Amino acid sequence: MASFPFPSDWPFNVQGVRNEVDRLLDRVWHLGLSTAPLDGQDWAPCLDLFEEADRYIVRAELPGMAAEDVSVEMLGQTLSIRGFKAEPARASEKPGAVGAGESQAACRKLRGECRYGSFARKIELPGPVSESGVSATCRNGVLDVTIPKAQSSLGKTVKVSAG
């Protein structure tokens, strides 16, 4: 951000305002530009939506999460993904963990950017789907949900006859 000279007699601290705006924008960025705080959720995973000829694929980033921590529901054209990401135990699961016999008080968090707690995302798919064929896999913190399109939405080529 460029620095501009401001009169020293302004009634407020311009740098303080700038720092506060930067902090708020940083918070919005890390929440994935979602409405999660308004929905009572702790965080919101990023989603991508892909379309192939016969299906939609929704990919969600869920770092550090296993399949059993996530639930997927399909209702009509709306896909719901919910889950809970627990914060790792303080001493034994963090980098530079405190060794046996040492005080856990020696470990303190200096910065916290990782997101923990509950989340829920809903995404409306652009066309009719077949709920019965939905499948989901979670590998290496990436959830892939495959949703087949309804047969009526696949289209049909009609041969035109002369006559």
C-alpha atoms as a PDB file:
ATOM      1  CA  MET A   1       0.000   0.000   0.000  1.00  0.00           C
ATOM      2  CA  ALA A   2       1.404   3.419  -0.930  1.00  0.00           C
ATOM      3  CA  SER A   3       2.143   5.933   1.812  1.00  0.00           C
ATOM      4  CA  PHE A   4       0.744   9.426   1.476  1.00  0.00           C
ATOM      5  CA  PRO A   5       1.682  12.401   3.611  1.00  0.00           C
ATOM      6  CA  PHE A   6      -1.093  13.487   5.975  1.00  0.00           C
ATOM      7  CA  PRO A   7      -1.242  16.693   7.964  1.00  0.00           C
ATOM      8  CA  SER A   8       0.002  16.164  11.509  1.00  0.00           C
ATOM      9  CA  ASP A   9      -3.004  17.991  12.937  1.00  0.00           C
ATOM     10  CA  TRP A  10      -5.616  15.469  11.721  1.00  0.00           C
ATOM     11  CA  PRO A  11      -7.988  14.512  14.550  1.00  0.00           C
ATOM     12  CA  PHE A  12      -7.276  10.787  14.203  1.00  0.00           C
ATOM     13  CA  ASN A  13      -4.349   8.458  13.669  1.00  0.00           C
ATOM     14  CA  VAL A  14      -4.350   7.603   9.942  1.00  0.00           C
ATOM     15  CA  GLN A  15      -1.902   4.734  10.417  1.00  0.00           C
ATOM     16  CA  GLY A  16      -4.132   3.257  13.118  1.00  0.00           C
ATOM     17  CA  VAL A  17      -7.138   3.345  10.780  1.00  0.00           C
ATOM     18  CA  ARG A  18      -5.075   1.767   8.016  1.00  0.00           C
ATOM     19  CA  ASN A  19      -3.911  -1.017  10.360  1.00  0.00           C
ATOM     20  CA  GLU A  20      -7.496  -1.714  11.446  1.00  0.00           C
ATOM     21  CA  VAL A  21      -8.723  -1.912   7.829  1.00  0.00           C
ATOM     22  CA  ASP A  22      -5.828  -4.261   6.965  1.00  0.00           C
ATOM     23  CA  ARG A  23      -6.722  -6.455   9.959  1.00  0.00           C
ATOM     24  CA  LEU A  24     -10.391  -6.646   8.931  1.00  0.00           C
ATOM     25  CA  LEU A  25      -9.541  -7.434   5.301  1.00  0.00           C
ATOM     26  CA  ASP A  26      -7.108 -10.123   6.457  1.00  0.00           C
ATOM     27  CA  ARG A  27      -9.868 -11.694   8.563  1.00  0.00           C
ATOM     28  CA  VAL A  28     -12.301 -11.692   5.631  1.00  0.00           C
ATOM     29  CA  TRP A  29      -9.639 -13.223   3.361  1.00  0.00           C
ATOM     30  CA  HIS A  30      -8.887 -16.067   5.796  1.00  0.00           C
ATOM     31  CA  LEU A  31     -12.595 -16.847   6.195  1.00  0.00           C
ATOM     32  CA  GLY A  32     -12.816 -17.621   2.484  1.00  0.00           C
ATOM     33  CA  LEU A  33     -14.940 -14.559   1.702  1.00  0.00           C
ATOM     34  CA  SER A  34     -17.939 -16.265   3.283  1.00  0.00           C
ATOM     35  CA  THR A  35     -20.702 -15.276   5.645  1.00  0.00           C
ATOM     36  CA  ALA A  36     -19.546 -17.846   8.192  1.00  0.00           C
ATOM     37  CA  PRO A  37     -19.454 -15.500  11.202  1.00  0.00           C
ATOM     38  CA  LEU A  38     -23.017 -14.397  10.410  1.00  0.00           C
ATOM     39  CA  ASP A  39     -24.168 -18.020  10.198  1.00  0.00           C
ATOM     40  CA  GLY A  40     -22.717 -18.947  13.591  1.00  0.00           C
ATOM     41  CA  GLN A  41     -19.931 -21.019  12.058  1.00  0.00           C
ATOM     42  CA  ASP A  42     -16.295 -20.900  13.112  1.00  0.00           C
ATOM     43  CA  TRP A  43     -14.832 -21.105   9.607  1.00  0.00           C
ATOM     44  CA  ALA A  44     -15.752 -21.929   6.020  1.00  0.00           C
ATOM     45  CA  PRO A  45     -13.812 -24.181   3.634  1.00  0.00           C
ATOM     46  CA  CYS A  46     -13.098 -23.019   0.095  1.00  0.00           C
ATOM     47  CA  LEU A  47     -15.146 -24.760  -2.615  1.00  0.00           C
ATOM     48  CA  ASP A  48     -14.719 -25.310  -6.352  1.00  0.00           C
ATOM     49  CA  LEU A  49     -17.568 -26.448  -8.620  1.00  0.00           C
ATOM     50  CA  PHE A  50     -16.835 -28.300 -11.865  1.00  0.00           C
ATOM     51  CA  GLU A  51     -19.230 -29.457 -14.577  1.00  0.00           C
ATOM     52  CA  GLU A  52     -18.751 -32.416 -16.890  1.00  0.00           C
ATOM     53  CA  ALA A  53     -21.201 -33.710 -19.491  1.00  0.00           C
ATOM     54  CA  ASP A  54     -22.918 -36.116 -17.081  1.00  0.00           C
ATOM     55  CA  ARG A  55     -22.071 -34.818 -13.592  1.00  0.00           C
ATOM     56  CA  TYR A  56     -21.032 -32.013 -11.275  1.00  0.00           C
ATOM     57  CA  ILE A  57     -18.007 -32.253  -9.003  1.00  0.00           C
ATOM     58  CA  VAL A  58     -17.656 -30.159  -5.863  1.00  0.00           C
ATOM     59  CA  ARG A  59     -14.192 -29.978  -4.316  1.00  0.00           C
ATOM     60  CA  ALA A  60     -13.681 -28.619  -0.792  1.00  0.00           C
ATOM     61  CA  GLU A  61     -10.396 -27.899   0.970  1.00  0.00           C
ATOM     62  CA  LEU A  62     -10.505 -29.498   4.425  1.00  0.00           C
ATOM     63  CA  PRO A  63      -6.886 -29.517   5.640  1.00  0.00           C
ATOM     64  CA  GLY A  64      -6.194 -31.918   8.478  1.00  0.00           C
ATOM     65  CA  MET A  65      -9.637 -33.512   8.356  1.00  0.00           C
ATOM     66  CA  ALA A  66     -10.570 -37.161   7.916  1.00  0.00           C
ATOM     67  CA  ALA A  67     -13.646 -38.601   6.199  1.00  0.00           C
ATOM     68  CA  GLU A  68     -15.333 -39.378   9.527  1.00  0.00           C
ATOM     69  CA  ASP A  69     -15.200 -35.662  10.481  1.00  0.00           C
ATOM     70  CA  VAL A  70     -17.368 -34.600   7.513  1.00  0.00           C
ATOM     71  CA  SER A  71     -21.006 -35.138   6.536  1.00  0.00           C
ATOM     72  CA  VAL A  72     -22.472 -34.601   3.070  1.00  0.00           C
ATOM     73  CA  GLU A  73     -26.187 -34.267   2.282  1.00  0.00           C
ATOM     74  CA  MET A  74     -27.985 -33.734  -1.006  1.00  0.00           C
ATOM     75  CA  LEU A  75     -31.492 -32.264  -1.013  1.00  0.00           C
ATOM     76  CA  GLY A  76     -32.857 -31.399  -4.436  1.00  0.00           C
ATOM     77  CA  GLN A  77     -30.182 -29.306  -6.141  1.00  0.00           C
ATOM     78  CA  THR A  78     -28.589 -28.188  -2.857  1.00  0.00           C
ATOM     79  CA  LEU A  79     -25.423 -29.833  -1.555  1.00  0.00           C
ATOM     80  CA  SER A  80     -24.657 -29.381   2.167  1.00  0.00           C
ATOM     81  CA  ILE A  81     -21.237 -30.082   3.646  1.00  0.00           C
ATOM     82  CA  ARG A  82     -20.794 -29.940   7.430  1.00  0.00           C
ATOM     83  CA  GLY A  83     -18.111 -30.896   9.866  1.00  0.00           C
ATOM     84  CA  PHE A  84     -15.990 -30.128  12.868  1.00  0.00           C
ATOM     85  CA  LYS A  85     -12.229 -29.652  12.923  1.00  0.00           C
ATOM     86  CA  ALA A  86     -10.762 -30.110  16.395  1.00  0.00           C
ATOM     87  CA  GLU A  87      -7.730 -28.114  17.456  1.00  0.00           C
ATOM     88  CA  PRO A  88      -4.732 -30.412  18.053  1.00  0.00           C
ATOM     89  CA  ALA A  89      -3.691 -31.086  21.633  1.00  0.00           C
ATOM     90  CA  ARG A  90      -1.296 -28.445  22.814  1.00  0.00           C
ATOM     91  CA  ALA A  91       1.913 -30.289  23.667  1.00  0.00           C
ATOM     92  CA  SER A  92       2.018 -33.572  21.804  1.00  0.00           C
ATOM     93  CA  GLU A  93       0.668 -32.668  18.362  1.00  0.00           C
ATOM     94  CA  LYS A  94       2.291 -29.337  17.537  1.00  0.00           C
ATOM     95  CA  PRO A  95       5.637 -28.668  15.902  1.00  0.00           C
ATOM     96  CA  GLY A  96       8.408 -28.404  18.477  1.00  0.00           C
ATOM     97  CA  ALA A  97       6.293 -30.267  21.019  1.00  0.00           C
ATOM     98  CA  VAL A  98       7.339 -30.182  24.632  1.00  0.00           C
ATOM     99  CA  GLY A  99       9.291 -33.321  25.499  1.00  0.00           C
ATOM    100  CA  ALA A 100       8.618 -35.739  28.346  1.00  0.00           C
ATOM    101  CA  GLY A 101       9.158 -34.231  31.767  1.00  0.00           C
ATOM    102  CA  GLU A 102       9.131 -30.627  30.504  1.00  0.00           C
ATOM    103  CA  SER A 103       6.559 -28.051  31.469  1.00  0.00           C
ATOM    104  CA  GLN A 104       3.734 -27.484  28.991  1.00  0.00           C
ATOM    105  CA  ALA A 105       3.789 -23.833  29.994  1.00  0.00           C
ATOM    106  CA  ALA A 106       6.845 -23.473  27.734  1.00  0.00           C
ATOM    107  CA  CYS A 107       4.580 -23.848  24.666  1.00  0.00           C
ATOM    108  CA  ARG A 108       2.510 -20.787  23.765  1.00  0.00           C
ATOM    109  CA  LYS A 109       0.830 -19.831  20.530  1.00  0.00           C
ATOM    110  CA  LEU A 110       2.289 -16.662  19.042  1.00  0.00           C
ATOM    111  CA  ARG A 111       0.125 -16.576  15.935  1.00  0.00           C
ATOM    112  CA  GLY A 112      -3.106 -18.376  15.106  1.00  0.00           C
ATOM    113  CA  GLU A 113      -4.152 -18.536  11.454  1.00  0.00           C
ATOM    114  CA  CYS A 114      -5.365 -22.142  11.300  1.00  0.00           C
ATOM    115  CA  ARG A 115      -9.136 -22.509  11.514  1.00  0.00           C
ATOM    116  CA  TYR A 116     -10.827 -24.907  13.937  1.00  0.00           C
ATOM    117  CA  GLY A 117     -14.370 -25.607  15.032  1.00  0.00           C
ATOM    118  CA  SER A 118     -17.598 -26.245  13.181  1.00  0.00           C
ATOM    119  CA  PHE A 119     -18.355 -25.357   9.581  1.00  0.00           C
ATOM    120  CA  ALA A 120     -21.231 -25.711   7.154  1.00  0.00           C
ATOM    121  CA  ARG A 121     -21.369 -24.874   3.462  1.00  0.00           C
ATOM    122  CA  LYS A 122     -24.273 -25.111   1.047  1.00  0.00           C
ATOM    123  CA  ILE A 123     -24.020 -24.827  -2.694  1.00  0.00           C
ATOM    124  CA  GLU A 124     -26.898 -24.721  -5.154  1.00  0.00           C
ATOM    125  CA  LEU A 125     -26.122 -26.711  -8.296  1.00  0.00           C
ATOM    126  CA  PRO A 126     -27.079 -25.143 -11.638  1.00  0.00           C
ATOM    127  CA  GLY A 127     -29.269 -28.004 -12.874  1.00  0.00           C
ATOM    128  CA  PRO A 128     -31.315 -31.059 -11.844  1.00  0.00           C
ATOM    129  CA  VAL A 129     -29.350 -33.918 -10.275  1.00  0.00           C
ATOM    130  CA  SER A 130     -29.796 -37.584  -9.422  1.00  0.00           C
ATOM    131  CA  GLU A 131     -29.572 -37.750  -5.614  1.00  0.00           C
ATOM    132  CA  SER A 132     -29.247 -41.541  -5.593  1.00  0.00           C
ATOM    133  CA  GLY A 133     -25.878 -41.546  -7.371  1.00  0.00           C
ATOM    134  CA  VAL A 134     -24.040 -39.005  -5.190  1.00  0.00           C
ATOM    135  CA  SER A 135     -20.640 -40.149  -3.893  1.00  0.00           C
ATOM    136  CA  ALA A 136     -17.978 -38.476  -1.755  1.00  0.00           C
ATOM    137  CA  THR A 137     -14.323 -39.181  -0.994  1.00  0.00           C
ATOM    138  CA  CYS A 138     -11.933 -37.387   1.339  1.00  0.00           C
ATOM    139  CA  ARG A 139      -8.203 -37.818   0.672  1.00  0.00           C
ATOM    140  CA  ASN A 140      -5.325 -35.736   2.005  1.00  0.00           C
ATOM    141  CA  GLY A 141      -7.647 -33.001   3.247  1.00  0.00           C
ATOM    142  CA  VAL A 142      -9.536 -32.644  -0.045  1.00  0.00           C
ATOM    143  CA  LEU A 143     -13.205 -33.630  -0.260  1.00  0.00           C
ATOM    144  CA  ASP A 144     -14.547 -34.518  -3.720  1.00  0.00           C
ATOM    145  CA  VAL A 145     -18.313 -34.910  -4.092  1.00  0.00           C
ATOM    146  CA  THR A 146     -19.537 -36.322  -7.418  1.00  0.00           C
ATOM    147  CA  ILE A 147     -23.167 -35.602  -8.265  1.00  0.00           C
ATOM    148  CA  PRO A 148     -24.670 -37.192 -11.392  1.00  0.00           C
ATOM    149  CA  LYS A 149     -26.920 -34.993 -13.497  1.00  0.00           C
ATOM    150  CA  ALA A 150     -30.527 -36.082 -13.827  1.00  0.00           C
ATOM    151  CA  GLN A 151     -31.156 -37.933 -17.082  1.00  0.00           C
ATOM    152  CA  SER A 152     -33.451 -35.183 -18.293  1.00  0.00           C
ATOM    153  CA  SER A 153     -30.629 -32.650 -18.031  1.00  0.00           C
ATOM    154  CA  LEU A 154     -28.187 -34.631 -20.194  1.00  0.00           C
ATOM    155  CA  GLY A 155     -29.950 -33.653 -23.394  1.00  0.00           C
ATOM    156  CA  LYS A 156     -30.559 -35.732 -26.471  1.00  0.00           C
ATOM    157  CA  THR A 157     -29.517 -35.456 -30.089  1.00  0.00           C
ATOM    158  CA  VAL A 158     -32.457 -35.855 -32.438  1.00  0.00           C
ATOM    159  CA  LYS A 159     -31.935 -36.964 -36.024  1.00  0.00           C
ATOM    160  CA  VAL A 160     -33.880 -34.857 -38.460  1.00  0.00           C
ATOM    161  CA  SER A 161     -35.542 -36.859 -41.195  1.00  0.00           C
ATOM    162  CA  ALA A 162     -36.542 -35.617 -44.607  1.00  0.00           C
ATOM    163  CA  GLY A 163     -40.132 -35.786 -45.398  1.00  0.00           C
END
